[in-house]
Amino acid sequence: MADTILLLAGVLIFFAIVFTVLRLVLGRTVADRIAAVDLLTVISISMIALYAHVGARFIYLDVALVYGVLSFLAVVATARYLERGL
């Protein structure tokens, strides 16, 4: 049962990557592309967490947490730059 759930999570992550890359390529505005890149970082954080669970290496959860904080700061800085400049 657990293997089925992990396989389903992997498939859903794959589809999320496909649709996000489509949004990144087909996005009409810069904000669309920034949102797609931010979503790709969220997807990669979920992949790191899934790998940490499968490999029983929970130190990777710390890596995912730091990556999430850095991604948040990057999106805030980019949004501020687009809004009125740094």
PDB file of N, CA and C in Angstrom:
ATOM      1  N   MET A   1       0.822  -1.192   0.000  1.00  0.00           N
ATOM      2  CA  MET A   1       0.000   0.000   0.000  1.00  0.00           C
ATOM      3  C   MET A   1       0.868   1.259   0.000  1.00  0.00           C
ATOM      4  N   ALA A   2       1.926   1.227   0.792  1.00  0.00           N
ATOM      5  CA  ALA A   2       2.803   2.395   0.862  1.00  0.00           C
ATOM      6  C   ALA A   2       3.539   2.606  -0.464  1.00  0.00           C
ATOM      7  N   ASP A   3       3.899   1.519  -1.124  1.00  0.00           N
ATOM      8  CA  ASP A   3       4.561   1.644  -2.423  1.00  0.00           C
ATOM      9  C   ASP A   3       3.638   2.273  -3.459  1.00  0.00           C
ATOM     10  N   THR A   4       2.358   1.940  -3.394  1.00  0.00           N
ATOM     11  CA  THR A   4       1.387   2.516  -4.314  1.00  0.00           C
ATOM     12  C   THR A   4       1.242   4.013  -4.089  1.00  0.00           C
ATOM     13  N   ILE A   5       1.226   4.415  -2.838  1.00  0.00           N
ATOM     14  CA  ILE A   5       1.101   5.840  -2.522  1.00  0.00           C
ATOM     15  C   ILE A   5       2.343   6.601  -2.977  1.00  0.00           C
ATOM     16  N   LEU A   6       3.510   6.021  -2.780  1.00  0.00           N
ATOM     17  CA  LEU A   6       4.741   6.670  -3.224  1.00  0.00           C
ATOM     18  C   LEU A   6       4.794   6.763  -4.747  1.00  0.00           C
ATOM     19  N   LEU A   7       4.341   5.735  -5.436  1.00  0.00           N
ATOM     20  CA  LEU A   7       4.287   5.762  -6.891  1.00  0.00           C
ATOM     21  C   LEU A   7       3.300   6.824  -7.373  1.00  0.00           C
ATOM     22  N   LEU A   8       2.157   6.920  -6.735  1.00  0.00           N
ATOM     23  CA  LEU A   8       1.174   7.938  -7.084  1.00  0.00           C
ATOM     24  C   LEU A   8       1.731   9.342  -6.846  1.00  0.00           C
ATOM     25  N   ALA A   9       2.450   9.522  -5.760  1.00  0.00           N
ATOM     26  CA  ALA A   9       3.070  10.825  -5.491  1.00  0.00           C
ATOM     27  C   ALA A   9       4.086  11.172  -6.566  1.00  0.00           C
ATOM     28  N   GLY A  10       4.870  10.209  -6.994  1.00  0.00           N
ATOM     29  CA  GLY A  10       5.837  10.445  -8.062  1.00  0.00           C
ATOM     30  C   GLY A  10       5.173  10.809  -9.379  1.00  0.00           C
ATOM     31  N   VAL A  11       4.084  10.138  -9.703  1.00  0.00           N
ATOM     32  CA  VAL A  11       3.357  10.435 -10.945  1.00  0.00           C
ATOM     33  C   VAL A  11       2.754  11.831 -10.880  1.00  0.00           C
ATOM     34  N   LEU A  12       2.184  12.193  -9.748  1.00  0.00           N
ATOM     35  CA  LEU A  12       1.600  13.525  -9.605  1.00  0.00           C
ATOM     36  C   LEU A  12       2.669  14.614  -9.684  1.00  0.00           C
ATOM     37  N   ILE A  13       3.823  14.359  -9.125  1.00  0.00           N
ATOM     38  CA  ILE A  13       4.921  15.317  -9.230  1.00  0.00           C
ATOM     39  C   ILE A  13       5.366  15.455 -10.681  1.00  0.00           C
ATOM     40  N   PHE A  14       5.408  14.352 -11.405  1.00  0.00           N
ATOM     41  CA  PHE A  14       5.774  14.399 -12.826  1.00  0.00           C
ATOM     42  C   PHE A  14       4.794  15.262 -13.616  1.00  0.00           C
ATOM     43  N   PHE A  15       3.489  15.048 -13.404  1.00  0.00           N
ATOM     44  CA  PHE A  15       2.504  15.854 -14.112  1.00  0.00           C
ATOM     45  C   PHE A  15       2.569  17.320 -13.710  1.00  0.00           C
ATOM     46  N   ALA A  16       2.862  17.582 -12.455  1.00  0.00           N
ATOM     47  CA  ALA A  16       3.018  18.967 -12.006  1.00  0.00           C
ATOM     48  C   ALA A  16       4.192  19.639 -12.716  1.00  0.00           C
ATOM     49  N   ILE A  17       5.269  18.906 -12.900  1.00  0.00           N
ATOM     50  CA  ILE A  17       6.425  19.455 -13.621  1.00  0.00           C
ATOM     51  C   ILE A  17       6.060  19.750 -15.075  1.00  0.00           C
ATOM     52  N   VAL A  18       5.365  18.840 -15.716  1.00  0.00           N
ATOM     53  CA  VAL A  18       4.990  19.029 -17.121  1.00  0.00           C
ATOM     54  C   VAL A  18       4.115  20.266 -17.283  1.00  0.00           C
ATOM     55  N   PHE A  19       3.082  20.402 -16.451  1.00  0.00           N
ATOM     56  CA  PHE A  19       2.178  21.537 -16.590  1.00  0.00           C
ATOM     57  C   PHE A  19       2.843  22.851 -16.198  1.00  0.00           C
ATOM     58  N   THR A  20       3.754  22.803 -15.263  1.00  0.00           N
ATOM     59  CA  THR A  20       4.451  24.027 -14.865  1.00  0.00           C
ATOM     60  C   THR A  20       5.428  24.478 -15.950  1.00  0.00           C
ATOM     61  N   VAL A  21       6.096  23.544 -16.579  1.00  0.00           N
ATOM     62  CA  VAL A  21       6.990  23.918 -17.678  1.00  0.00           C
ATOM     63  C   VAL A  21       6.180  24.488 -18.845  1.00  0.00           C
ATOM     64  N   LEU A  22       4.995  23.945 -19.083  1.00  0.00           N
ATOM     65  CA  LEU A  22       4.131  24.527 -20.103  1.00  0.00           C
ATOM     66  C   LEU A  22       3.764  25.964 -19.756  1.00  0.00           C
ATOM     67  N   ARG A  23       3.462  26.227 -18.488  1.00  0.00           N
ATOM     68  CA  ARG A  23       3.139  27.588 -18.062  1.00  0.00           C
ATOM     69  C   ARG A  23       4.360  28.489 -18.196  1.00  0.00           C
ATOM     70  N   LEU A  24       5.518  27.933 -17.931  1.00  0.00           N
ATOM     71  CA  LEU A  24       6.744  28.719 -18.052  1.00  0.00           C
ATOM     72  C   LEU A  24       7.002  29.100 -19.505  1.00  0.00           C
ATOM     73  N   VAL A  25       6.770  28.189 -20.413  1.00  0.00           N
ATOM     74  CA  VAL A  25       7.018  28.450 -21.828  1.00  0.00           C
ATOM     75  C   VAL A  25       5.918  29.323 -22.430  1.00  0.00           C
ATOM     76  N   LEU A  26       4.678  29.053 -22.087  1.00  0.00           N
ATOM     77  CA  LEU A  26       3.555  29.745 -22.700  1.00  0.00           C
ATOM     78  C   LEU A  26       3.103  30.985 -21.938  1.00  0.00           C
ATOM     79  N   GLY A  27       3.744  31.298 -20.831  1.00  0.00           N
ATOM     80  CA  GLY A  27       3.345  32.458 -20.041  1.00  0.00           C
ATOM     81  C   GLY A  27       3.503  33.749 -20.823  1.00  0.00           C
ATOM     82  N   ARG A  28       2.480  34.580 -20.772  1.00  0.00           N
ATOM     83  CA  ARG A  28       2.504  35.795 -21.575  1.00  0.00           C
ATOM     84  C   ARG A  28       3.202  36.944 -20.864  1.00  0.00           C
ATOM     85  N   THR A  29       3.129  36.953 -19.552  1.00  0.00           N
ATOM     86  CA  THR A  29       3.741  38.057 -18.813  1.00  0.00           C
ATOM     87  C   THR A  29       4.905  37.543 -17.975  1.00  0.00           C
ATOM     88  N   VAL A  30       5.683  38.478 -17.490  1.00  0.00           N
ATOM     89  CA  VAL A  30       6.802  38.117 -16.626  1.00  0.00           C
ATOM     90  C   VAL A  30       6.293  37.528 -15.317  1.00  0.00           C
ATOM     91  N   ALA A  31       5.173  38.038 -14.839  1.00  0.00           N
ATOM     92  CA  ALA A  31       4.605  37.516 -13.589  1.00  0.00           C
ATOM     93  C   ALA A  31       4.199  36.053 -13.729  1.00  0.00           C
ATOM     94  N   ASP A  32       3.670  35.667 -14.893  1.00  0.00           N
ATOM     95  CA  ASP A  32       3.337  34.261 -15.140  1.00  0.00           C
ATOM     96  C   ASP A  32       4.582  33.391 -15.061  1.00  0.00           C
ATOM     97  N   ARG A  33       5.645  33.849 -15.646  1.00  0.00           N
ATOM     98  CA  ARG A  33       6.879  33.063 -15.651  1.00  0.00           C
ATOM     99  C   ARG A  33       7.505  32.986 -14.272  1.00  0.00           C
ATOM    100  N   ILE A  34       7.423  34.072 -13.513  1.00  0.00           N
ATOM    101  CA  ILE A  34       7.956  34.053 -12.147  1.00  0.00           C
ATOM    102  C   ILE A  34       7.149  33.097 -11.278  1.00  0.00           C
ATOM    103  N   ALA A  35       5.833  33.114 -11.450  1.00  0.00           N
ATOM    104  CA  ALA A  35       4.987  32.179 -10.698  1.00  0.00           C
ATOM    105  C   ALA A  35       5.309  30.734 -11.072  1.00  0.00           C
ATOM    106  N   ALA A  36       5.599  30.483 -12.345  1.00  0.00           N
ATOM    107  CA  ALA A  36       5.947  29.128 -12.783  1.00  0.00           C
ATOM    108  C   ALA A  36       7.282  28.690 -12.188  1.00  0.00           C
ATOM    109  N   VAL A  37       8.249  29.594 -12.151  1.00  0.00           N
ATOM    110  CA  VAL A  37       9.543  29.245 -11.554  1.00  0.00           C
ATOM    111  C   VAL A  37       9.383  28.989 -10.063  1.00  0.00           C
ATOM    112  N   ASP A  38       8.556  29.786  -9.400  1.00  0.00           N
ATOM    113  CA  ASP A  38       8.309  29.564  -7.973  1.00  0.00           C
ATOM    114  C   ASP A  38       7.623  28.215  -7.755  1.00  0.00           C
ATOM    115  N   LEU A  39       6.707  27.874  -8.626  1.00  0.00           N
ATOM    116  CA  LEU A  39       6.052  26.572  -8.514  1.00  0.00           C
ATOM    117  C   LEU A  39       7.030  25.432  -8.767  1.00  0.00           C
ATOM    118  N   LEU A  40       7.974  25.630  -9.679  1.00  0.00           N
ATOM    119  CA  LEU A  40       8.995  24.602  -9.895  1.00  0.00           C
ATOM    120  C   LEU A  40       9.855  24.407  -8.647  1.00  0.00           C
ATOM    121  N   THR A  41      10.131  25.478  -7.918  1.00  0.00           N
ATOM    122  CA  THR A  41      10.888  25.305  -6.678  1.00  0.00           C
ATOM    123  C   THR A  41      10.064  24.562  -5.635  1.00  0.00           C
ATOM    124  N   VAL A  42       8.769  24.823  -5.591  1.00  0.00           N
ATOM    125  CA  VAL A  42       7.909  24.086  -4.655  1.00  0.00           C
ATOM    126  C   VAL A  42       7.865  22.607  -5.039  1.00  0.00           C
ATOM    127  N   ILE A  43       7.797  22.328  -6.328  1.00  0.00           N
ATOM    128  CA  ILE A  43       7.786  20.937  -6.789  1.00  0.00           C
ATOM    129  C   ILE A  43       9.114  20.262  -6.458  1.00  0.00           C
ATOM    130  N   SER A  44      10.212  20.969  -6.642  1.00  0.00           N
ATOM    131  CA  SER A  44      11.503  20.362  -6.320  1.00  0.00           C
ATOM    132  C   SER A  44      11.641  20.135  -4.813  1.00  0.00           C
ATOM    133  N   ILE A  45      11.051  20.997  -4.006  1.00  0.00           N
ATOM    134  CA  ILE A  45      11.054  20.765  -2.556  1.00  0.00           C
ATOM    135  C   ILE A  45      10.257  19.505  -2.229  1.00  0.00           C
ATOM    136  N   SER A  46       9.138  19.304  -2.917  1.00  0.00           N
ATOM    137  CA  SER A  46       8.370  18.083  -2.675  1.00  0.00           C
ATOM    138  C   SER A  46       9.127  16.844  -3.148  1.00  0.00           C
ATOM    139  N   MET A  47       9.907  16.967  -4.233  1.00  0.00           N
ATOM    140  CA  MET A  47      10.738  15.841  -4.673  1.00  0.00           C
ATOM    141  C   MET A  47      11.825  15.532  -3.647  1.00  0.00           C
ATOM    142  N   ILE A  48      12.425  16.558  -3.069  1.00  0.00           N
ATOM    143  CA  ILE A  48      13.442  16.342  -2.036  1.00  0.00           C
ATOM    144  C   ILE A  48      12.823  15.653  -0.833  1.00  0.00           C
ATOM    145  N   ALA A  49      11.629  16.086  -0.442  1.00  0.00           N
ATOM    146  CA  ALA A  49      10.963  15.469   0.704  1.00  0.00           C
ATOM    147  C   ALA A  49      10.585  14.021   0.411  1.00  0.00           C
ATOM    148  N   LEU A  50      10.140  13.759  -0.799  1.00  0.00           N
ATOM    149  CA  LEU A  50       9.800  12.384  -1.169  1.00  0.00           C
ATOM    150  C   LEU A  50      11.046  11.509  -1.175  1.00  0.00           C
ATOM    151  N   TYR A  51      12.143  12.031  -1.693  1.00  0.00           N
ATOM    152  CA  TYR A  51      13.396  11.278  -1.686  1.00  0.00           C
ATOM    153  C   TYR A  51      13.883  11.035  -0.256  1.00  0.00           C
ATOM    154  N   ALA A  52      13.707  12.026   0.608  1.00  0.00           N
ATOM    155  CA  ALA A  52      14.107  11.850   2.006  1.00  0.00           C
ATOM    156  C   ALA A  52      13.303  10.729   2.657  1.00  0.00           C
ATOM    157  N   HIS A  53      12.035  10.652   2.306  1.00  0.00           N
ATOM    158  CA  HIS A  53      11.203   9.591   2.877  1.00  0.00           C
ATOM    159  C   HIS A  53      11.576   8.219   2.320  1.00  0.00           C
ATOM    160  N   VAL A  54      11.750   8.142   1.010  1.00  0.00           N
ATOM    161  CA  VAL A  54      12.064   6.852   0.382  1.00  0.00           C
ATOM    162  C   VAL A  54      13.435   6.359   0.812  1.00  0.00           C
ATOM    163  N   GLY A  55      14.409   7.257   0.864  1.00  0.00           N
ATOM    164  CA  GLY A  55      15.768   6.865   1.216  1.00  0.00           C
ATOM    165  C   GLY A  55      16.040   6.844   2.707  1.00  0.00           C
ATOM    166  N   ALA A  56      15.042   7.222   3.508  1.00  0.00           N
ATOM    167  CA  ALA A  56      15.183   7.275   4.973  1.00  0.00           C
ATOM    168  C   ALA A  56      16.380   8.140   5.380  1.00  0.00           C
ATOM    169  N   ARG A  57      16.585   9.229   4.650  1.00  0.00           N
ATOM    170  CA  ARG A  57      17.643  10.194   4.937  1.00  0.00           C
ATOM    171  C   ARG A  57      16.975  11.518   5.264  1.00  0.00           C
ATOM    172  N   PHE A  58      16.571  11.683   6.508  1.00  0.00           N
ATOM    173  CA  PHE A  58      15.755  12.822   6.886  1.00  0.00           C
ATOM    174  C   PHE A  58      16.556  14.113   7.023  1.00  0.00           C
ATOM    175  N   ILE A  59      17.852  14.050   6.813  1.00  0.00           N
ATOM    176  CA  ILE A  59      18.652  15.263   6.796  1.00  0.00           C
ATOM    177  C   ILE A  59      18.294  16.110   5.572  1.00  0.00           C
ATOM    178  N   TYR A  60      17.772  15.453   4.517  1.00  0.00           N
ATOM    179  CA  TYR A  60      17.369  16.181   3.319  1.00  0.00           C
ATOM    180  C   TYR A  60      16.184  17.103   3.575  1.00  0.00           C
ATOM    181  N   LEU A  61      15.433  16.853   4.614  1.00  0.00           N
ATOM    182  CA  LEU A  61      14.336  17.754   4.954  1.00  0.00           C
ATOM    183  C   LEU A  61      14.860  19.122   5.371  1.00  0.00           C
ATOM    184  N   ASP A  62      16.026  19.156   5.997  1.00  0.00           N
ATOM    185  CA  ASP A  62      16.656  20.439   6.319  1.00  0.00           C
ATOM    186  C   ASP A  62      17.057  21.171   5.041  1.00  0.00           C
ATOM    187  N   VAL A  63      17.544  20.432   4.079  1.00  0.00           N
ATOM    188  CA  VAL A  63      17.903  21.028   2.788  1.00  0.00           C
ATOM    189  C   VAL A  63      16.664  21.608   2.125  1.00  0.00           C
ATOM    190  N   ALA A  64      15.567  20.880   2.160  1.00  0.00           N
ATOM    191  CA  ALA A  64      14.322  21.360   1.557  1.00  0.00           C
ATOM    192  C   ALA A  64      13.820  22.613   2.265  1.00  0.00           C
ATOM    193  N   LEU A  65      13.974  22.659   3.575  1.00  0.00           N
ATOM    194  CA  LEU A  65      13.536  23.833   4.331  1.00  0.00           C
ATOM    195  C   LEU A  65      14.350  25.069   3.964  1.00  0.00           C
ATOM    196  N   VAL A  66      15.644  24.930   3.889  1.00  0.00           N
ATOM    197  CA  VAL A  66      16.505  26.062   3.519  1.00  0.00           C
ATOM    198  C   VAL A  66      16.222  26.484   2.079  1.00  0.00           C
ATOM    199  N   TYR A  67      16.026  25.532   1.200  1.00  0.00           N
ATOM    200  CA  TYR A  67      15.710  25.834  -0.189  1.00  0.00           C
ATOM    201  C   TYR A  67      14.390  26.596  -0.293  1.00  0.00           C
ATOM    202  N   GLY A  68      13.424  26.229   0.519  1.00  0.00           N
ATOM    203  CA  GLY A  68      12.140  26.921   0.530  1.00  0.00           C
ATOM    204  C   GLY A  68      12.266  28.357   1.002  1.00  0.00           C
ATOM    205  N   VAL A  69      13.062  28.583   2.028  1.00  0.00           N
ATOM    206  CA  VAL A  69      13.268  29.947   2.528  1.00  0.00           C
ATOM    207  C   VAL A  69      13.976  30.801   1.480  1.00  0.00           C
ATOM    208  N   LEU A  70      15.007  30.250   0.850  1.00  0.00           N
ATOM    209  CA  LEU A  70      15.726  31.000  -0.177  1.00  0.00           C
ATOM    210  C   LEU A  70      14.829  31.280  -1.385  1.00  0.00           C
ATOM    211  N   SER A  71      13.987  30.344  -1.731  1.00  0.00           N
ATOM    212  CA  SER A  71      13.064  30.544  -2.842  1.00  0.00           C
ATOM    213  C   SER A  71      12.063  31.643  -2.521  1.00  0.00           C
ATOM    214  N   PHE A  72      11.571  31.660  -1.307  1.00  0.00           N
ATOM    215  CA  PHE A  72      10.642  32.705  -0.895  1.00  0.00           C
ATOM    216  C   PHE A  72      11.298  34.078  -0.973  1.00  0.00           C
ATOM    217  N   LEU A  73      12.515  34.177  -0.482  1.00  0.00           N
ATOM    218  CA  LEU A  73      13.217  35.457  -0.531  1.00  0.00           C
ATOM    219  C   LEU A  73      13.478  35.901  -1.967  1.00  0.00           C
ATOM    220  N   ALA A  74      13.794  34.969  -2.834  1.00  0.00           N
ATOM    221  CA  ALA A  74      14.037  35.317  -4.232  1.00  0.00           C
ATOM    222  C   ALA A  74      12.770  35.818  -4.913  1.00  0.00           C
ATOM    223  N   VAL A  75      11.638  35.204  -4.628  1.00  0.00           N
ATOM    224  CA  VAL A  75      10.386  35.645  -5.239  1.00  0.00           C
ATOM    225  C   VAL A  75       9.985  37.018  -4.703  1.00  0.00           C
ATOM    226  N   VAL A  76      10.184  37.255  -3.427  1.00  0.00           N
ATOM    227  CA  VAL A  76       9.857  38.559  -2.855  1.00  0.00           C
ATOM    228  C   VAL A  76      10.753  39.639  -3.463  1.00  0.00           C
ATOM    229  N   ALA A  77      12.025  39.346  -3.614  1.00  0.00           N
ATOM    230  CA  ALA A  77      12.944  40.325  -4.202  1.00  0.00           C
ATOM    231  C   ALA A  77      12.589  40.592  -5.664  1.00  0.00           C
ATOM    232  N   THR A  78      12.231  39.563  -6.399  1.00  0.00           N
ATOM    233  CA  THR A  78      11.857  39.746  -7.793  1.00  0.00           C
ATOM    234  C   THR A  78      10.560  40.539  -7.921  1.00  0.00           C
ATOM    235  N   ALA A  79       9.607  40.252  -7.074  1.00  0.00           N
ATOM    236  CA  ALA A  79       8.348  40.991  -7.110  1.00  0.00           C
ATOM    237  C   ALA A  79       8.571  42.453  -6.760  1.00  0.00           C
ATOM    238  N   ARG A  80       9.420  42.700  -5.796  1.00  0.00           N
ATOM    239  CA  ARG A  80       9.712  44.082  -5.433  1.00  0.00           C
ATOM    240  C   ARG A  80      10.430  44.799  -6.577  1.00  0.00           C
ATOM    241  N   TYR A  81      11.326  44.129  -7.240  1.00  0.00           N
ATOM    242  CA  TYR A  81      12.019  44.721  -8.379  1.00  0.00           C
ATOM    243  C   TYR A  81      11.045  45.055  -9.508  1.00  0.00           C
ATOM    244  N   LEU A  82      10.131  44.152  -9.793  1.00  0.00           N
ATOM    245  CA  LEU A  82       9.175  44.392 -10.861  1.00  0.00           C
ATOM    246  C   LEU A  82       8.189  45.501 -10.496  1.00  0.00           C
ATOM    247  N   GLU A  83       7.853  45.603  -9.228  1.00  0.00           N
ATOM    248  CA  GLU A  83       6.880  46.598  -8.800  1.00  0.00           C
ATOM    249  C   GLU A  83       7.437  48.011  -8.835  1.00  0.00           C
ATOM    250  N   ARG A  84       8.609  48.222  -8.266  1.00  0.00           N
ATOM    251  CA  ARG A  84       9.145  49.594  -8.187  1.00  0.00           C
ATOM    252  C   ARG A  84      10.645  49.682  -8.202  1.00  0.00           C
ATOM    253  N   GLY A  85      11.320  48.606  -8.383  1.00  0.00           N
ATOM    254  CA  GLY A  85      12.774  48.620  -8.415  1.00  0.00           C
ATOM    255  C   GLY A  85      13.364  48.456  -7.029  1.00  0.00           C
ATOM    256  N   LEU A  86      14.587  47.991  -6.964  1.00  0.00           N
ATOM    257  CA  LEU A  86      15.233  47.760  -5.675  1.00  0.00           C
ATOM    258  C   LEU A  86      15.793  49.022  -5.150  1.00  0.00           C
TER     259      LEU A  86
END
